[in-house]
N, C-alpha and C. Protein backbone atom coordinates (compact mmCIF):
# COMPACT_ATOMS: atom_id res chain seq x y z
N MET A 1 30.07 36.77 81.19
CA MET A 1 30.40 37.56 80.02
C MET A 1 29.83 38.64 80.18
N ILE A 2 30.70 40.09 80.22
CA ILE A 2 29.88 41.44 79.88
C ILE A 2 29.38 41.51 78.59
N ASP A 3 28.29 41.49 78.12
CA ASP A 3 28.68 42.40 76.71
C ASP A 3 27.25 43.18 76.48
N HIS A 4 26.88 43.55 75.53
CA HIS A 4 26.16 44.58 75.00
C HIS A 4 24.63 44.37 75.89
N THR A 5 24.16 43.20 76.78
CA THR A 5 23.00 42.98 77.00
C THR A 5 22.88 43.51 78.54
N HIS A 6 24.15 44.28 79.27
CA HIS A 6 24.42 44.65 80.72
C HIS A 6 24.17 45.90 80.11
N ASN A 7 24.64 46.99 79.10
CA ASN A 7 24.50 48.10 78.79
C ASN A 7 23.83 48.81 79.68
N PRO A 8 24.45 49.73 80.59
CA PRO A 8 23.38 50.63 81.32
C PRO A 8 21.87 51.73 80.77
N ALA A 9 22.20 51.72 79.55
CA ALA A 9 20.92 52.76 78.77
C ALA A 9 20.31 51.47 78.35
N LEU A 10 20.23 50.38 77.94
CA LEU A 10 19.28 49.06 77.72
C LEU A 10 18.17 50.11 78.39
N LYS A 11 16.57 49.75 77.88
CA LYS A 11 15.14 50.10 77.94
C LYS A 11 14.61 48.77 77.80
N SER A 12 13.51 48.28 78.76
CA SER A 12 12.40 46.99 78.53
C SER A 12 10.72 47.76 77.99
N TRP A 13 10.40 47.14 77.44
CA TRP A 13 9.23 47.33 76.88
C TRP A 13 8.45 47.12 78.31
N VAL A 14 8.99 46.11 79.36
CA VAL A 14 8.22 45.94 80.50
C VAL A 14 8.61 47.04 81.86
N GLU A 15 7.72 47.81 81.44
CA GLU A 15 8.03 49.21 82.54
C GLU A 15 8.30 49.48 83.74
N ALA A 16 7.94 48.01 84.18
CA ALA A 16 8.59 48.04 85.25
C ALA A 16 9.91 47.69 85.94
N ALA A 17 10.65 46.74 84.74
CA ALA A 17 11.64 46.94 84.54
C ALA A 17 12.77 48.04 84.18
N ASN A 18 11.90 49.32 84.13
CA ASN A 18 12.89 50.82 83.68
C ASN A 18 12.96 51.48 85.46
N ARG A 19 12.28 51.26 85.91
CA ARG A 19 12.29 51.77 87.24
C ARG A 19 13.41 51.97 88.08
N PRO A 20 14.14 52.44 88.51
CA PRO A 20 15.37 52.92 88.76
C PRO A 20 15.30 51.96 90.57
N GLU A 21 14.14 51.78 91.30
CA GLU A 21 14.22 50.38 92.62
C GLU A 21 14.31 49.78 91.77
N THR A 22 13.86 48.68 91.02
CA THR A 22 13.51 47.18 90.33
C THR A 22 14.84 46.94 90.42
N GLU A 23 14.99 45.56 91.25
CA GLU A 23 15.76 44.44 91.28
C GLU A 23 16.20 43.73 90.41
N PHE A 24 15.14 43.80 89.18
CA PHE A 24 15.37 43.41 88.15
C PHE A 24 15.13 44.02 86.66
N PRO A 25 16.35 44.58 86.41
CA PRO A 25 15.79 45.67 84.84
C PRO A 25 16.55 44.55 84.12
N VAL A 26 16.34 45.48 82.98
CA VAL A 26 16.97 44.25 81.71
C VAL A 26 18.32 43.59 81.71
N GLN A 27 18.92 44.23 82.46
CA GLN A 27 20.86 44.43 82.25
C GLN A 27 20.87 42.59 83.23
N ASN A 28 19.55 42.70 84.27
CA ASN A 28 20.15 41.34 85.15
C ASN A 28 18.64 40.54 85.24
N LEU A 29 18.85 39.55 84.71
CA LEU A 29 17.88 38.56 83.71
C LEU A 29 18.32 37.10 84.49
N PRO A 30 17.76 37.67 85.54
CA PRO A 30 18.10 35.76 86.95
C PRO A 30 16.69 34.64 86.12
N LEU A 31 17.48 33.31 86.17
CA LEU A 31 16.82 32.38 86.05
C LEU A 31 15.86 32.36 87.48
N ALA A 32 14.69 31.54 87.11
CA ALA A 32 13.61 31.68 88.22
C ALA A 32 12.54 30.58 88.30
N ARG A 33 12.00 29.77 89.44
CA ARG A 33 11.54 28.60 88.88
C ARG A 33 10.14 29.58 89.44
N PHE A 34 9.24 29.16 88.80
CA PHE A 34 7.46 29.72 89.39
C PHE A 34 6.41 28.83 88.74
N ARG A 35 5.43 28.83 89.41
CA ARG A 35 4.33 28.44 89.08
C ARG A 35 2.76 28.84 89.07
N ARG A 36 2.42 29.25 87.51
CA ARG A 36 1.18 30.05 87.69
C ARG A 36 0.05 29.01 88.55
N SER A 37 -1.13 29.60 88.79
CA SER A 37 -2.06 28.82 89.54
C SER A 37 -2.61 27.90 88.21
N ARG A 38 -2.39 27.99 87.53
CA ARG A 38 -2.98 26.79 86.46
C ARG A 38 -1.80 25.49 86.38
N ASP A 39 -1.07 25.56 86.92
CA ASP A 39 0.29 24.69 86.73
C ASP A 39 0.67 23.93 87.35
N LEU A 40 0.71 22.95 87.33
CA LEU A 40 1.07 21.78 88.46
C LEU A 40 2.29 21.69 88.22
N GLU A 41 3.22 21.56 87.62
CA GLU A 41 4.66 21.66 87.65
C GLU A 41 5.42 23.08 87.62
N PRO A 42 6.02 23.35 88.36
CA PRO A 42 7.32 24.61 88.19
C PRO A 42 7.78 24.70 87.08
N ARG A 43 7.49 25.72 86.38
CA ARG A 43 8.21 26.31 85.14
C ARG A 43 9.85 27.04 85.85
N VAL A 44 10.12 27.37 84.31
CA VAL A 44 12.01 27.93 84.35
C VAL A 44 10.79 29.56 83.43
N GLY A 45 11.62 30.21 84.37
CA GLY A 45 11.32 32.03 83.83
C GLY A 45 12.54 32.50 83.76
N VAL A 46 12.47 34.08 83.71
CA VAL A 46 13.17 34.93 83.89
C VAL A 46 12.82 36.27 84.35
N ALA A 47 13.38 36.14 85.90
CA ALA A 47 12.71 37.78 86.38
C ALA A 47 13.17 38.74 85.63
N ILE A 48 12.09 40.04 85.05
CA ILE A 48 11.96 40.91 84.29
C ILE A 48 11.46 42.10 85.14
N GLY A 49 11.57 43.17 85.88
CA GLY A 49 10.73 43.81 86.41
C GLY A 49 9.57 43.34 87.84
N ASP A 50 8.90 43.20 87.33
CA ASP A 50 7.63 42.69 88.62
C ASP A 50 6.97 41.64 87.76
N GLN A 51 7.48 40.91 86.71
CA GLN A 51 7.41 39.92 85.82
C GLN A 51 7.82 38.65 86.04
N ILE A 52 7.13 37.82 85.49
CA ILE A 52 8.55 36.63 84.94
C ILE A 52 7.87 35.99 83.37
N LEU A 53 8.95 35.84 82.63
CA LEU A 53 9.12 35.65 81.63
C LEU A 53 9.12 33.92 81.08
N ASP A 54 8.52 33.15 80.70
CA ASP A 54 7.92 31.80 80.70
C ASP A 54 9.28 31.58 79.59
N ALA A 55 10.34 30.93 80.34
CA ALA A 55 12.01 30.62 79.39
C ALA A 55 11.15 29.32 78.54
N SER A 56 10.25 29.19 78.94
CA SER A 56 9.88 27.66 77.67
C SER A 56 9.66 27.96 76.34
N SER A 57 9.06 29.26 75.67
CA SER A 57 9.10 29.93 74.70
C SER A 57 10.72 30.08 73.95
N PHE A 58 11.19 30.26 74.84
CA PHE A 58 12.47 29.84 74.18
C PHE A 58 13.57 28.50 74.13
N GLY A 59 12.74 27.53 74.29
CA GLY A 59 13.28 26.25 74.33
C GLY A 59 14.13 25.90 75.73
N LEU A 60 13.50 27.03 76.38
CA LEU A 60 14.08 25.94 78.22
C LEU A 60 12.94 25.84 79.19
N SER A 61 13.22 24.63 79.12
CA SER A 61 12.32 23.76 79.64
C SER A 61 12.39 23.49 81.18
N SER A 62 13.82 23.50 81.78
CA SER A 62 14.46 23.23 82.89
C SER A 62 15.68 23.80 83.55
N MET A 63 15.94 24.28 84.75
CA MET A 63 17.18 24.16 85.13
C MET A 63 18.17 23.83 84.84
N ARG A 64 17.87 22.39 84.95
CA ARG A 64 19.10 21.33 84.18
C ARG A 64 19.82 21.59 82.77
N ASP A 65 18.76 21.77 82.08
CA ASP A 65 18.91 22.05 80.77
C ASP A 65 19.81 23.13 80.34
N TYR A 66 19.52 24.45 80.87
CA TYR A 66 20.43 25.31 81.40
C TYR A 66 21.90 25.35 82.05
N LEU A 67 21.70 24.31 82.60
CA LEU A 67 23.36 24.07 83.08
C LEU A 67 23.88 23.33 82.16
N LEU A 68 23.25 22.34 81.87
CA LEU A 68 23.87 21.46 80.44
C LEU A 68 24.51 22.31 79.62
N MET A 69 23.84 23.64 79.12
CA MET A 69 24.63 24.26 77.78
C MET A 69 26.02 24.85 78.29
N SER A 70 26.56 24.75 76.97
CA SER A 70 28.08 25.61 76.80
C SER A 70 27.75 27.05 77.13
N ARG A 71 28.95 27.15 77.80
CA ARG A 71 29.09 29.51 77.93
C ARG A 71 28.38 29.78 76.60
N ALA A 72 28.76 29.51 75.42
CA ALA A 72 28.74 30.43 74.31
C ALA A 72 27.27 29.68 73.99
N GLU A 73 26.47 28.75 74.24
CA GLU A 73 24.55 28.66 74.33
C GLU A 73 24.10 29.28 75.32
N ARG A 74 24.60 29.32 76.57
CA ARG A 74 24.07 30.31 77.57
C ARG A 74 24.03 31.99 77.46
N ALA A 75 25.64 32.31 76.91
CA ALA A 75 25.49 33.62 76.24
C ALA A 75 24.63 34.18 75.09
N ALA A 76 24.37 32.92 74.54
CA ALA A 76 23.41 33.29 73.23
C ALA A 76 21.62 33.45 73.82
N PHE A 77 21.38 32.39 74.60
CA PHE A 77 19.93 32.27 75.12
C PHE A 77 20.25 33.72 76.34
N ARG A 78 20.52 34.86 76.35
CA ARG A 78 20.90 35.51 77.25
C ARG A 78 20.35 36.81 76.28
N ARG A 79 21.07 36.67 75.14
CA ARG A 79 21.17 37.54 74.18
C ARG A 79 19.70 37.51 73.63
N ARG A 80 19.36 36.37 73.17
CA ARG A 80 17.73 36.46 72.74
C ARG A 80 16.66 37.04 73.60
N ILE A 81 16.63 36.51 75.15
CA ILE A 81 16.08 37.13 75.92
C ILE A 81 16.01 38.46 75.77
N SER A 82 17.22 39.27 75.97
CA SER A 82 17.48 40.38 76.04
C SER A 82 16.92 41.24 74.71
N ARG A 83 16.75 40.41 74.12
CA ARG A 83 16.53 41.28 72.53
C ARG A 83 15.29 41.16 72.52
N PHE A 84 14.40 40.00 72.81
CA PHE A 84 13.09 39.40 73.28
C PHE A 84 12.38 40.96 74.22
N LEU A 85 13.13 40.96 75.34
CA LEU A 85 12.37 42.53 75.99
C LEU A 85 12.78 43.27 75.94
N THR A 86 13.84 43.72 74.95
CA THR A 86 13.98 45.23 74.46
C THR A 86 13.46 45.47 72.98
N GLU A 87 12.78 44.66 72.57
CA GLU A 87 12.51 44.75 70.97
C GLU A 87 10.58 44.61 71.43
N TYR A 88 9.86 45.43 71.53
CA TYR A 88 8.63 44.61 71.42
C TYR A 88 8.09 43.84 70.57
N SER A 89 7.35 43.12 70.23
CA SER A 89 6.39 42.69 69.03
C SER A 89 5.18 42.09 69.92
N PRO A 90 4.27 42.24 68.94
CA PRO A 90 2.59 42.57 69.17
C PRO A 90 2.39 41.35 70.24
N GLY A 91 2.17 41.20 70.86
CA GLY A 91 1.92 39.43 71.88
C GLY A 91 2.54 39.38 72.82
N ALA A 92 3.62 39.93 73.00
CA ALA A 92 4.91 39.47 73.68
C ALA A 92 4.38 39.59 75.25
N GLU A 93 3.54 40.15 75.63
CA GLU A 93 3.19 40.42 77.00
C GLU A 93 2.17 38.87 77.48
N LYS A 94 1.94 38.32 76.82
CA LYS A 94 1.40 36.85 76.77
C LYS A 94 2.46 36.00 77.57
N LEU A 95 3.94 36.50 77.28
CA LEU A 95 5.10 35.16 77.89
C LEU A 95 4.92 36.09 79.44
N LEU A 96 4.37 36.87 79.92
CA LEU A 96 4.59 37.37 81.15
C LEU A 96 3.37 36.76 82.33
N THR A 97 4.19 36.57 83.31
CA THR A 97 3.26 36.25 84.53
C THR A 97 4.02 37.07 85.41
N PRO A 98 2.85 38.19 86.26
CA PRO A 98 3.53 38.63 87.33
C PRO A 98 4.08 37.83 88.66
N ILE A 99 4.99 38.20 89.07
CA ILE A 99 5.83 37.77 90.35
C ILE A 99 4.91 37.35 91.32
N GLU A 100 3.74 38.46 91.60
CA GLU A 100 2.73 38.00 92.53
C GLU A 100 1.60 37.10 92.18
N GLU A 101 1.63 36.48 91.42
CA GLU A 101 0.55 35.46 91.07
C GLU A 101 1.44 34.44 90.84
N SER A 102 2.93 34.33 90.95
CA SER A 102 3.46 33.06 90.93
C SER A 102 3.68 32.11 92.41
C-alpha cells in the first residue's frame, strides 16, 4: 500500500538515510533479523540508512508476529516506524544499532 510514508520528500533524523546512495532511505523500511554482540537470540529490526532500528520497542518480537498481522495492522506499524524515524525524540538513537555491528 502506497501512502504518505513513501513520500520522496520525507527526511529522517538518521542522517545516513538521507544520502542519495543509501539502500535504506526512510521510504524503504525493510524488516531484518539482527543480533547485537550482547544478544543470544536474533531480534527483528527495520533497516534505516546504515542502522537497524530495534522493532521490539514497537511491539514486534518476531517475523512470525509480523506475518500474522492483518494488512491494516502492518500499515499502522509502518506508519509508527516512519513517524518515529522522521520526528526525532530525545534518546531515540538508543534504539539503533549500526548495521556493521550486527
